[in-house]
Amino acid sequence: SGTISSIQAMGWYRQAPGKQRESVAAITSGGSTN
């Protein structure tokens, strides 16, 4: 929500009980994914 001019990237992270938060997936403004 809110007025946004641009976003460099978006990502998803997950954290299981007792574990460190980790990156799951990401997508850049250009559409590249990891």
PDB file of all heavy atoms in Angstrom:
ATOM      1  N   SER A   1       0.845  -1.180   0.000  1.00  0.00           N
ATOM      2  CA  SER A   1       0.000   0.000   0.000  1.00  0.00           C
ATOM      3  C   SER A   1       0.886   1.238   0.000  1.00  0.00           C
ATOM      4  O   SER A   1       2.052   1.184   0.405  1.00  0.00           O
ATOM      5  CB  SER A   1      -0.919   0.008   1.219  1.00  0.00           C
ATOM      6  OG  SER A   1      -0.174   0.087   2.426  1.00  0.00           O
ATOM      7  N   GLY A   2       0.322   2.354  -0.430  1.00  0.00           N
ATOM      8  CA  GLY A   2       1.096   3.578  -0.511  1.00  0.00           C
ATOM      9  C   GLY A   2       1.534   3.869  -1.932  1.00  0.00           C
ATOM     10  O   GLY A   2       1.467   3.011  -2.812  1.00  0.00           O
ATOM     11  N   THR A   3       2.000   5.080  -2.142  1.00  0.00           N
ATOM     12  CA  THR A   3       2.438   5.508  -3.465  1.00  0.00           C
ATOM     13  C   THR A   3       3.916   5.202  -3.646  1.00  0.00           C
ATOM     14  O   THR A   3       4.761   5.726  -2.930  1.00  0.00           O
ATOM     15  CB  THR A   3       2.182   7.005  -3.665  1.00  0.00           C
ATOM     16  OG1 THR A   3       0.785   7.280  -3.475  1.00  0.00           O
ATOM     17  CG2 THR A   3       2.578   7.417  -5.071  1.00  0.00           C
ATOM     18  N   ILE A   4       4.212   4.366  -4.624  1.00  0.00           N
ATOM     19  CA  ILE A   4       5.573   3.908  -4.876  1.00  0.00           C
ATOM     20  C   ILE A   4       6.000   4.316  -6.281  1.00  0.00           C
ATOM     21  O   ILE A   4       5.276   4.075  -7.245  1.00  0.00           O
ATOM     22  CB  ILE A   4       5.671   2.386  -4.709  1.00  0.00           C
ATOM     23  CG1 ILE A   4       5.397   1.996  -3.259  1.00  0.00           C
ATOM     24  CG2 ILE A   4       7.041   1.882  -5.164  1.00  0.00           C
ATOM     25  CD1 ILE A   4       5.298   0.512  -3.036  1.00  0.00           C
ATOM     26  N   SER A   5       7.181   4.893  -6.363  1.00  0.00           N
ATOM     27  CA  SER A   5       7.721   5.283  -7.658  1.00  0.00           C
ATOM     28  C   SER A   5       8.375   4.106  -8.371  1.00  0.00           C
ATOM     29  O   SER A   5       8.157   3.896  -9.567  1.00  0.00           O
ATOM     30  CB  SER A   5       8.725   6.419  -7.502  1.00  0.00           C
ATOM     31  OG  SER A   5       9.297   6.763  -8.745  1.00  0.00           O
ATOM     32  N   SER A   6       9.181   3.347  -7.638  1.00  0.00           N
ATOM     33  CA  SER A   6       9.864   2.208  -8.230  1.00  0.00           C
ATOM     34  C   SER A   6      10.309   1.249  -7.140  1.00  0.00           C
ATOM     35  O   SER A   6      10.403   1.611  -5.973  1.00  0.00           O
ATOM     36  CB  SER A   6      11.070   2.663  -9.065  1.00  0.00           C
ATOM     37  OG  SER A   6      12.032   3.309  -8.250  1.00  0.00           O
ATOM     38  N   ILE A   7      10.598   0.021  -7.551  1.00  0.00           N
ATOM     39  CA  ILE A   7      11.077  -1.023  -6.660  1.00  0.00           C
ATOM     40  C   ILE A   7      12.224  -1.741  -7.358  1.00  0.00           C
ATOM     41  O   ILE A   7      12.083  -2.171  -8.501  1.00  0.00           O
ATOM     42  CB  ILE A   7       9.963  -2.036  -6.319  1.00  0.00           C
ATOM     43  CG1 ILE A   7       8.756  -1.315  -5.715  1.00  0.00           C
ATOM     44  CG2 ILE A   7      10.488  -3.110  -5.367  1.00  0.00           C
ATOM     45  CD1 ILE A   7       7.530  -2.199  -5.594  1.00  0.00           C
ATOM     46  N   GLN A   8      13.332  -1.888  -6.672  1.00  0.00           N
ATOM     47  CA  GLN A   8      14.486  -2.554  -7.273  1.00  0.00           C
ATOM     48  C   GLN A   8      14.276  -4.058  -7.382  1.00  0.00           C
ATOM     49  O   GLN A   8      14.638  -4.672  -8.386  1.00  0.00           O
ATOM     50  CB  GLN A   8      15.759  -2.264  -6.472  1.00  0.00           C
ATOM     51  CG  GLN A   8      16.232  -0.826  -6.573  1.00  0.00           C
ATOM     52  CD  GLN A   8      17.532  -0.592  -5.813  1.00  0.00           C
ATOM     53  OE1 GLN A   8      18.067  -1.486  -5.171  1.00  0.00           O
ATOM     54  NE2 GLN A   8      18.033   0.614  -5.888  1.00  0.00           N
ATOM     55  N   ALA A   9      13.703  -4.647  -6.339  1.00  0.00           N
ATOM     56  CA  ALA A   9      13.506  -6.087  -6.334  1.00  0.00           C
ATOM     57  C   ALA A   9      12.458  -6.464  -5.305  1.00  0.00           C
ATOM     58  O   ALA A   9      12.166  -5.700  -4.380  1.00  0.00           O
ATOM     59  CB  ALA A   9      14.820  -6.818  -6.046  1.00  0.00           C
ATOM     60  N   MET A  10      11.904  -7.659  -5.458  1.00  0.00           N
ATOM     61  CA  MET A  10      10.975  -8.230  -4.505  1.00  0.00           C
ATOM     62  C   MET A  10      11.457  -9.629  -4.169  1.00  0.00           C
ATOM     63  O   MET A  10      12.009 -10.314  -5.029  1.00  0.00           O
ATOM     64  CB  MET A  10       9.566  -8.311  -5.080  1.00  0.00           C
ATOM     65  CG  MET A  10       9.001  -6.987  -5.549  1.00  0.00           C
ATOM     66  SD  MET A  10       7.413  -7.239  -6.405  1.00  0.00           S
ATOM     67  CE  MET A  10       6.954  -5.547  -6.770  1.00  0.00           C
ATOM     68  N   GLY A  11      11.236 -10.033  -2.937  1.00  0.00           N
ATOM     69  CA  GLY A  11      11.703 -11.347  -2.548  1.00  0.00           C
ATOM     70  C   GLY A  11      10.824 -12.005  -1.507  1.00  0.00           C
ATOM     71  O   GLY A  11      10.005 -11.355  -0.860  1.00  0.00           O
ATOM     72  N   TRP A  12      11.017 -13.309  -1.385  1.00  0.00           N
ATOM     73  CA  TRP A  12      10.365 -14.104  -0.360  1.00  0.00           C
ATOM     74  C   TRP A  12      11.424 -14.773   0.504  1.00  0.00           C
ATOM     75  O   TRP A  12      12.421 -15.294  -0.018  1.00  0.00           O
ATOM     76  CB  TRP A  12       9.454 -15.175  -0.966  1.00  0.00           C
ATOM     77  CG  TRP A  12       8.202 -14.623  -1.566  1.00  0.00           C
ATOM     78  CD1 TRP A  12       7.973 -14.306  -2.868  1.00  0.00           C
ATOM     79  CD2 TRP A  12       6.995 -14.319  -0.858  1.00  0.00           C
ATOM     80  NE1 TRP A  12       6.692 -13.827  -3.033  1.00  0.00           N
ATOM     81  CE2 TRP A  12       6.075 -13.822  -1.805  1.00  0.00           C
ATOM     82  CE3 TRP A  12       6.594 -14.419   0.470  1.00  0.00           C
ATOM     83  CZ2 TRP A  12       4.777 -13.430  -1.453  1.00  0.00           C
ATOM     84  CZ3 TRP A  12       5.318 -14.023   0.815  1.00  0.00           C
ATOM     85  CH2 TRP A  12       4.431 -13.535  -0.148  1.00  0.00           C
ATOM     86  N   TYR A  13      11.199 -14.749   1.795  1.00  0.00           N
ATOM     87  CA  TYR A  13      12.074 -15.370   2.770  1.00  0.00           C
ATOM     88  C   TYR A  13      11.244 -16.289   3.653  1.00  0.00           C
ATOM     89  O   TYR A  13      10.029 -16.143   3.752  1.00  0.00           O
ATOM     90  CB  TYR A  13      12.766 -14.318   3.635  1.00  0.00           C
ATOM     91  CG  TYR A  13      13.669 -13.374   2.868  1.00  0.00           C
ATOM     92  CD1 TYR A  13      13.143 -12.378   2.051  1.00  0.00           C
ATOM     93  CD2 TYR A  13      15.052 -13.480   2.971  1.00  0.00           C
ATOM     94  CE1 TYR A  13      13.960 -11.515   1.344  1.00  0.00           C
ATOM     95  CE2 TYR A  13      15.880 -12.611   2.276  1.00  0.00           C
ATOM     96  CZ  TYR A  13      15.329 -11.634   1.468  1.00  0.00           C
ATOM     97  OH  TYR A  13      16.160 -10.780   0.778  1.00  0.00           O
ATOM     98  N   ARG A  14      11.896 -17.225   4.309  1.00  0.00           N
ATOM     99  CA  ARG A  14      11.188 -18.077   5.248  1.00  0.00           C
ATOM    100  C   ARG A  14      12.058 -18.346   6.466  1.00  0.00           C
ATOM    101  O   ARG A  14      13.284 -18.329   6.386  1.00  0.00           O
ATOM    102  CB  ARG A  14      10.760 -19.395   4.601  1.00  0.00           C
ATOM    103  CG  ARG A  14      11.901 -20.328   4.228  1.00  0.00           C
ATOM    104  CD  ARG A  14      11.361 -21.546   3.482  1.00  0.00           C
ATOM    105  NE  ARG A  14      12.432 -22.449   3.110  1.00  0.00           N
ATOM    106  CZ  ARG A  14      12.280 -23.499   2.321  1.00  0.00           C
ATOM    107  NH1 ARG A  14      11.086 -23.789   1.814  1.00  0.00           N
ATOM    108  NH2 ARG A  14      13.320 -24.281   2.035  1.00  0.00           N
ATOM    109  N   GLN A  15      11.402 -18.594   7.571  1.00  0.00           N
ATOM    110  CA  GLN A  15      12.087 -18.886   8.816  1.00  0.00           C
ATOM    111  C   GLN A  15      11.356 -20.002   9.540  1.00  0.00           C
ATOM    112  O   GLN A  15      10.213 -19.833   9.964  1.00  0.00           O
ATOM    113  CB  GLN A  15      12.172 -17.641   9.700  1.00  0.00           C
ATOM    114  CG  GLN A  15      13.044 -17.818  10.923  1.00  0.00           C
ATOM    115  CD  GLN A  15      13.390 -16.501  11.582  1.00  0.00           C
ATOM    116  OE1 GLN A  15      12.690 -15.501  11.411  1.00  0.00           O
ATOM    117  NE2 GLN A  15      14.476 -16.485  12.330  1.00  0.00           N
ATOM    118  N   ALA A  16      12.026 -21.134   9.657  1.00  0.00           N
ATOM    119  CA  ALA A  16      11.494 -22.271  10.384  1.00  0.00           C
ATOM    120  C   ALA A  16      11.875 -22.152  11.852  1.00  0.00           C
ATOM    121  O   ALA A  16      12.851 -21.479  12.192  1.00  0.00           O
ATOM    122  CB  ALA A  16      12.028 -23.575   9.791  1.00  0.00           C
ATOM    123  N   PRO A  17      11.135 -22.806  12.742  1.00  0.00           N
ATOM    124  CA  PRO A  17      11.459 -22.741  14.169  1.00  0.00           C
ATOM    125  C   PRO A  17      12.893 -23.157  14.448  1.00  0.00           C
ATOM    126  O   PRO A  17      13.350 -24.201  13.984  1.00  0.00           O
ATOM    127  CB  PRO A  17      10.470 -23.722  14.804  1.00  0.00           C
ATOM    128  CG  PRO A  17       9.312 -23.735  13.865  1.00  0.00           C
ATOM    129  CD  PRO A  17       9.920 -23.604  12.497  1.00  0.00           C
ATOM    130  N   GLY A  18      13.613 -22.321  15.191  1.00  0.00           N
ATOM    131  CA  GLY A  18      14.978 -22.624  15.553  1.00  0.00           C
ATOM    132  C   GLY A  18      15.992 -22.453  14.447  1.00  0.00           C
ATOM    133  O   GLY A  18      17.161 -22.797  14.627  1.00  0.00           O
ATOM    134  N   LYS A  19      15.571 -21.935  13.306  1.00  0.00           N
ATOM    135  CA  LYS A  19      16.475 -21.769  12.184  1.00  0.00           C
ATOM    136  C   LYS A  19      16.568 -20.309  11.765  1.00  0.00           C
ATOM    137  O   LYS A  19      15.720 -19.485  12.107  1.00  0.00           O
ATOM    138  CB  LYS A  19      16.032 -22.616  10.991  1.00  0.00           C
ATOM    139  CG  LYS A  19      16.024 -24.108  11.250  1.00  0.00           C
ATOM    140  CD  LYS A  19      15.747 -24.891   9.985  1.00  0.00           C
ATOM    141  CE  LYS A  19      16.873 -24.769   8.984  1.00  0.00           C
ATOM    142  NZ  LYS A  19      16.636 -25.598   7.765  1.00  0.00           N
ATOM    143  N   GLN A  20      17.603 -20.005  11.027  1.00  0.00           N
ATOM    144  CA  GLN A  20      17.836 -18.663  10.532  1.00  0.00           C
ATOM    145  C   GLN A  20      16.914 -18.354   9.357  1.00  0.00           C
ATOM    146  O   GLN A  20      16.548 -19.247   8.595  1.00  0.00           O
ATOM    147  CB  GLN A  20      19.298 -18.532  10.108  1.00  0.00           C
ATOM    148  CG  GLN A  20      19.843 -17.128  10.103  1.00  0.00           C
ATOM    149  CD  GLN A  20      21.353 -17.119   9.958  1.00  0.00           C
ATOM    150  OE1 GLN A  20      21.946 -18.041   9.402  1.00  0.00           O
ATOM    151  NE2 GLN A  20      21.981 -16.072  10.452  1.00  0.00           N
ATOM    152  N   ARG A  21      16.540 -17.098   9.228  1.00  0.00           N
ATOM    153  CA  ARG A  21      15.740 -16.702   8.089  1.00  0.00           C
ATOM    154  C   ARG A  21      16.565 -16.830   6.814  1.00  0.00           C
ATOM    155  O   ARG A  21      17.733 -16.418   6.767  1.00  0.00           O
ATOM    156  CB  ARG A  21      15.248 -15.261   8.248  1.00  0.00           C
ATOM    157  CG  ARG A  21      14.265 -14.820   7.178  1.00  0.00           C
ATOM    158  CD  ARG A  21      13.680 -13.442   7.469  1.00  0.00           C
ATOM    159  NE  ARG A  21      12.957 -13.409   8.731  1.00  0.00           N
ATOM    160  CZ  ARG A  21      12.262 -12.374   9.164  1.00  0.00           C
ATOM    161  NH1 ARG A  21      12.181 -11.270   8.429  1.00  0.00           N
ATOM    162  NH2 ARG A  21      11.647 -12.433  10.343  1.00  0.00           N
ATOM    163  N   GLU A  22      15.972 -17.404   5.784  1.00  0.00           N
ATOM    164  CA  GLU A  22      16.685 -17.631   4.544  1.00  0.00           C
ATOM    165  C   GLU A  22      15.915 -17.089   3.355  1.00  0.00           C
ATOM    166  O   GLU A  22      14.680 -17.042   3.363  1.00  0.00           O
ATOM    167  CB  GLU A  22      16.957 -19.128   4.340  1.00  0.00           C
ATOM    168  CG  GLU A  22      15.701 -19.968   4.166  1.00  0.00           C
ATOM    169  CD  GLU A  22      15.993 -21.411   3.803  1.00  0.00           C
ATOM    170  OE1 GLU A  22      17.137 -21.723   3.441  1.00  0.00           O
ATOM    171  OE2 GLU A  22      15.056 -22.242   3.880  1.00  0.00           O
ATOM    172  N   SER A  23      16.651 -16.706   2.350  1.00  0.00           N
ATOM    173  CA  SER A  23      16.054 -16.251   1.106  1.00  0.00           C
ATOM    174  C   SER A  23      15.532 -17.453   0.328  1.00  0.00           C
ATOM    175  O   SER A  23      16.220 -18.464   0.193  1.00  0.00           O
ATOM    176  CB  SER A  23      17.075 -15.487   0.268  1.00  0.00           C
ATOM    177  OG  SER A  23      16.528 -15.113  -0.979  1.00  0.00           O
ATOM    178  N   VAL A  24      14.327 -17.330  -0.189  1.00  0.00           N
ATOM    179  CA  VAL A  24      13.690 -18.391  -0.955  1.00  0.00           C
ATOM    180  C   VAL A  24      13.680 -18.070  -2.439  1.00  0.00           C
ATOM    181  O   VAL A  24      14.032 -18.905  -3.273  1.00  0.00           O
ATOM    182  CB  VAL A  24      12.255 -18.647  -0.456  1.00  0.00           C
ATOM    183  CG1 VAL A  24      11.551 -19.666  -1.347  1.00  0.00           C
ATOM    184  CG2 VAL A  24      12.276 -19.119   0.987  1.00  0.00           C
ATOM    185  N   ALA A  25      13.248 -16.870  -2.774  1.00  0.00           N
ATOM    186  CA  ALA A  25      13.134 -16.467  -4.168  1.00  0.00           C
ATOM    187  C   ALA A  25      13.163 -14.954  -4.265  1.00  0.00           C
ATOM    188  O   ALA A  25      12.778 -14.257  -3.324  1.00  0.00           O
ATOM    189  CB  ALA A  25      11.849 -17.010  -4.792  1.00  0.00           C
ATOM    190  N   ALA A  26      13.611 -14.453  -5.389  1.00  0.00           N
ATOM    191  CA  ALA A  26      13.660 -13.015  -5.615  1.00  0.00           C
ATOM    192  C   ALA A  26      13.449 -12.719  -7.084  1.00  0.00           C
ATOM    193  O   ALA A  26      13.761 -13.542  -7.950  1.00  0.00           O
ATOM    194  CB  ALA A  26      15.001 -12.439  -5.150  1.00  0.00           C
ATOM    195  N   ILE A  27      12.918 -11.539  -7.343  1.00  0.00           N
ATOM    196  CA  ILE A  27      12.728 -11.084  -8.714  1.00  0.00           C
ATOM    197  C   ILE A  27      13.114  -9.615  -8.774  1.00  0.00           C
ATOM    198  O   ILE A  27      12.731  -8.821  -7.917  1.00  0.00           O
ATOM    199  CB  ILE A  27      11.276 -11.320  -9.193  1.00  0.00           C
ATOM    200  CG1 ILE A  27      11.124 -10.929 -10.658  1.00  0.00           C
ATOM    201  CG2 ILE A  27      10.275 -10.581  -8.313  1.00  0.00           C
ATOM    202  CD1 ILE A  27       9.817 -11.426 -11.274  1.00  0.00           C
ATOM    203  N   THR A  28      13.894  -9.245  -9.772  1.00  0.00           N
ATOM    204  CA  THR A  28      14.366  -7.878  -9.916  1.00  0.00           C
ATOM    205  C   THR A  28      13.394  -7.060 -10.752  1.00  0.00           C
ATOM    206  O   THR A  28      12.459  -7.585 -11.351  1.00  0.00           O
ATOM    207  CB  THR A  28      15.747  -7.836 -10.578  1.00  0.00           C
ATOM    208  OG1 THR A  28      15.629  -8.236 -11.953  1.00  0.00           O
ATOM    209  CG2 THR A  28      16.722  -8.768  -9.870  1.00  0.00           C
ATOM    210  N   SER A  29      13.653  -5.753 -10.797  1.00  0.00           N
ATOM    211  CA  SER A  29      12.815  -4.875 -11.598  1.00  0.00           C
ATOM    212  C   SER A  29      12.856  -5.248 -13.073  1.00  0.00           C
ATOM    213  O   SER A  29      11.895  -4.987 -13.804  1.00  0.00           O
ATOM    214  CB  SER A  29      13.250  -3.413 -11.420  1.00  0.00           C
ATOM    215  OG  SER A  29      14.592  -3.224 -11.841  1.00  0.00           O
ATOM    216  N   GLY A  30      13.956  -5.851 -13.505  1.00  0.00           N
ATOM    217  CA  GLY A  30      14.085  -6.290 -14.882  1.00  0.00           C
ATOM    218  C   GLY A  30      13.481  -7.648 -15.161  1.00  0.00           C
ATOM    219  O   GLY A  30      13.469  -8.090 -16.315  1.00  0.00           O
ATOM    220  N   GLY A  31      12.999  -8.318 -14.121  1.00  0.00           N
ATOM    221  CA  GLY A  31      12.354  -9.597 -14.302  1.00  0.00           C
ATOM    222  C   GLY A  31      13.231 -10.811 -14.065  1.00  0.00           C
ATOM    223  O   GLY A  31      12.751 -11.946 -14.185  1.00  0.00           O
ATOM    224  N   SER A  32      14.492 -10.604 -13.732  1.00  0.00           N
ATOM    225  CA  SER A  32      15.371 -11.730 -13.439  1.00  0.00           C
ATOM    226  C   SER A  32      14.974 -12.375 -12.119  1.00  0.00           C
ATOM    227  O   SER A  32      14.620 -11.680 -11.167  1.00  0.00           O
ATOM    228  CB  SER A  32      16.824 -11.282 -13.372  1.00  0.00           C
ATOM    229  OG  SER A  32      17.245 -10.751 -14.615  1.00  0.00           O
ATOM    230  N   THR A  33      15.044 -13.693 -12.054  1.00  0.00           N
ATOM    231  CA  THR A  33      14.656 -14.421 -10.856  1.00  0.00           C
ATOM    232  C   THR A  33      15.799 -15.251 -10.312  1.00  0.00           C
ATOM    233  O   THR A  33      16.688 -15.674 -11.052  1.00  0.00           O
ATOM    234  CB  THR A  33      13.457 -15.340 -11.122  1.00  0.00           C
ATOM    235  OG1 THR A  33      13.787 -16.261 -12.171  1.00  0.00           O
ATOM    236  CG2 THR A  33      12.238 -14.533 -11.535  1.00  0.00           C
ATOM    237  N   ASN A  34      15.765 -15.476  -9.014  1.00  0.00           N
ATOM    238  CA  ASN A  34      16.711 -16.338  -8.335  1.00  0.00           C
ATOM    239  C   ASN A  34      15.957 -17.165  -7.306  1.00  0.00           C
ATOM    240  O   ASN A  34      15.029 -16.673  -6.681  1.00  0.00           O
ATOM    241  CB  ASN A  34      17.810 -15.529  -7.643  1.00  0.00           C
ATOM    242  CG  ASN A  34      18.770 -14.888  -8.602  1.00  0.00           C
ATOM    243  OD1 ASN A  34      18.644 -13.709  -8.923  1.00  0.00           O
ATOM    244  ND2 ASN A  34      19.740 -15.665  -9.071  1.00  0.00           N
TER     245      ASN A  34
END
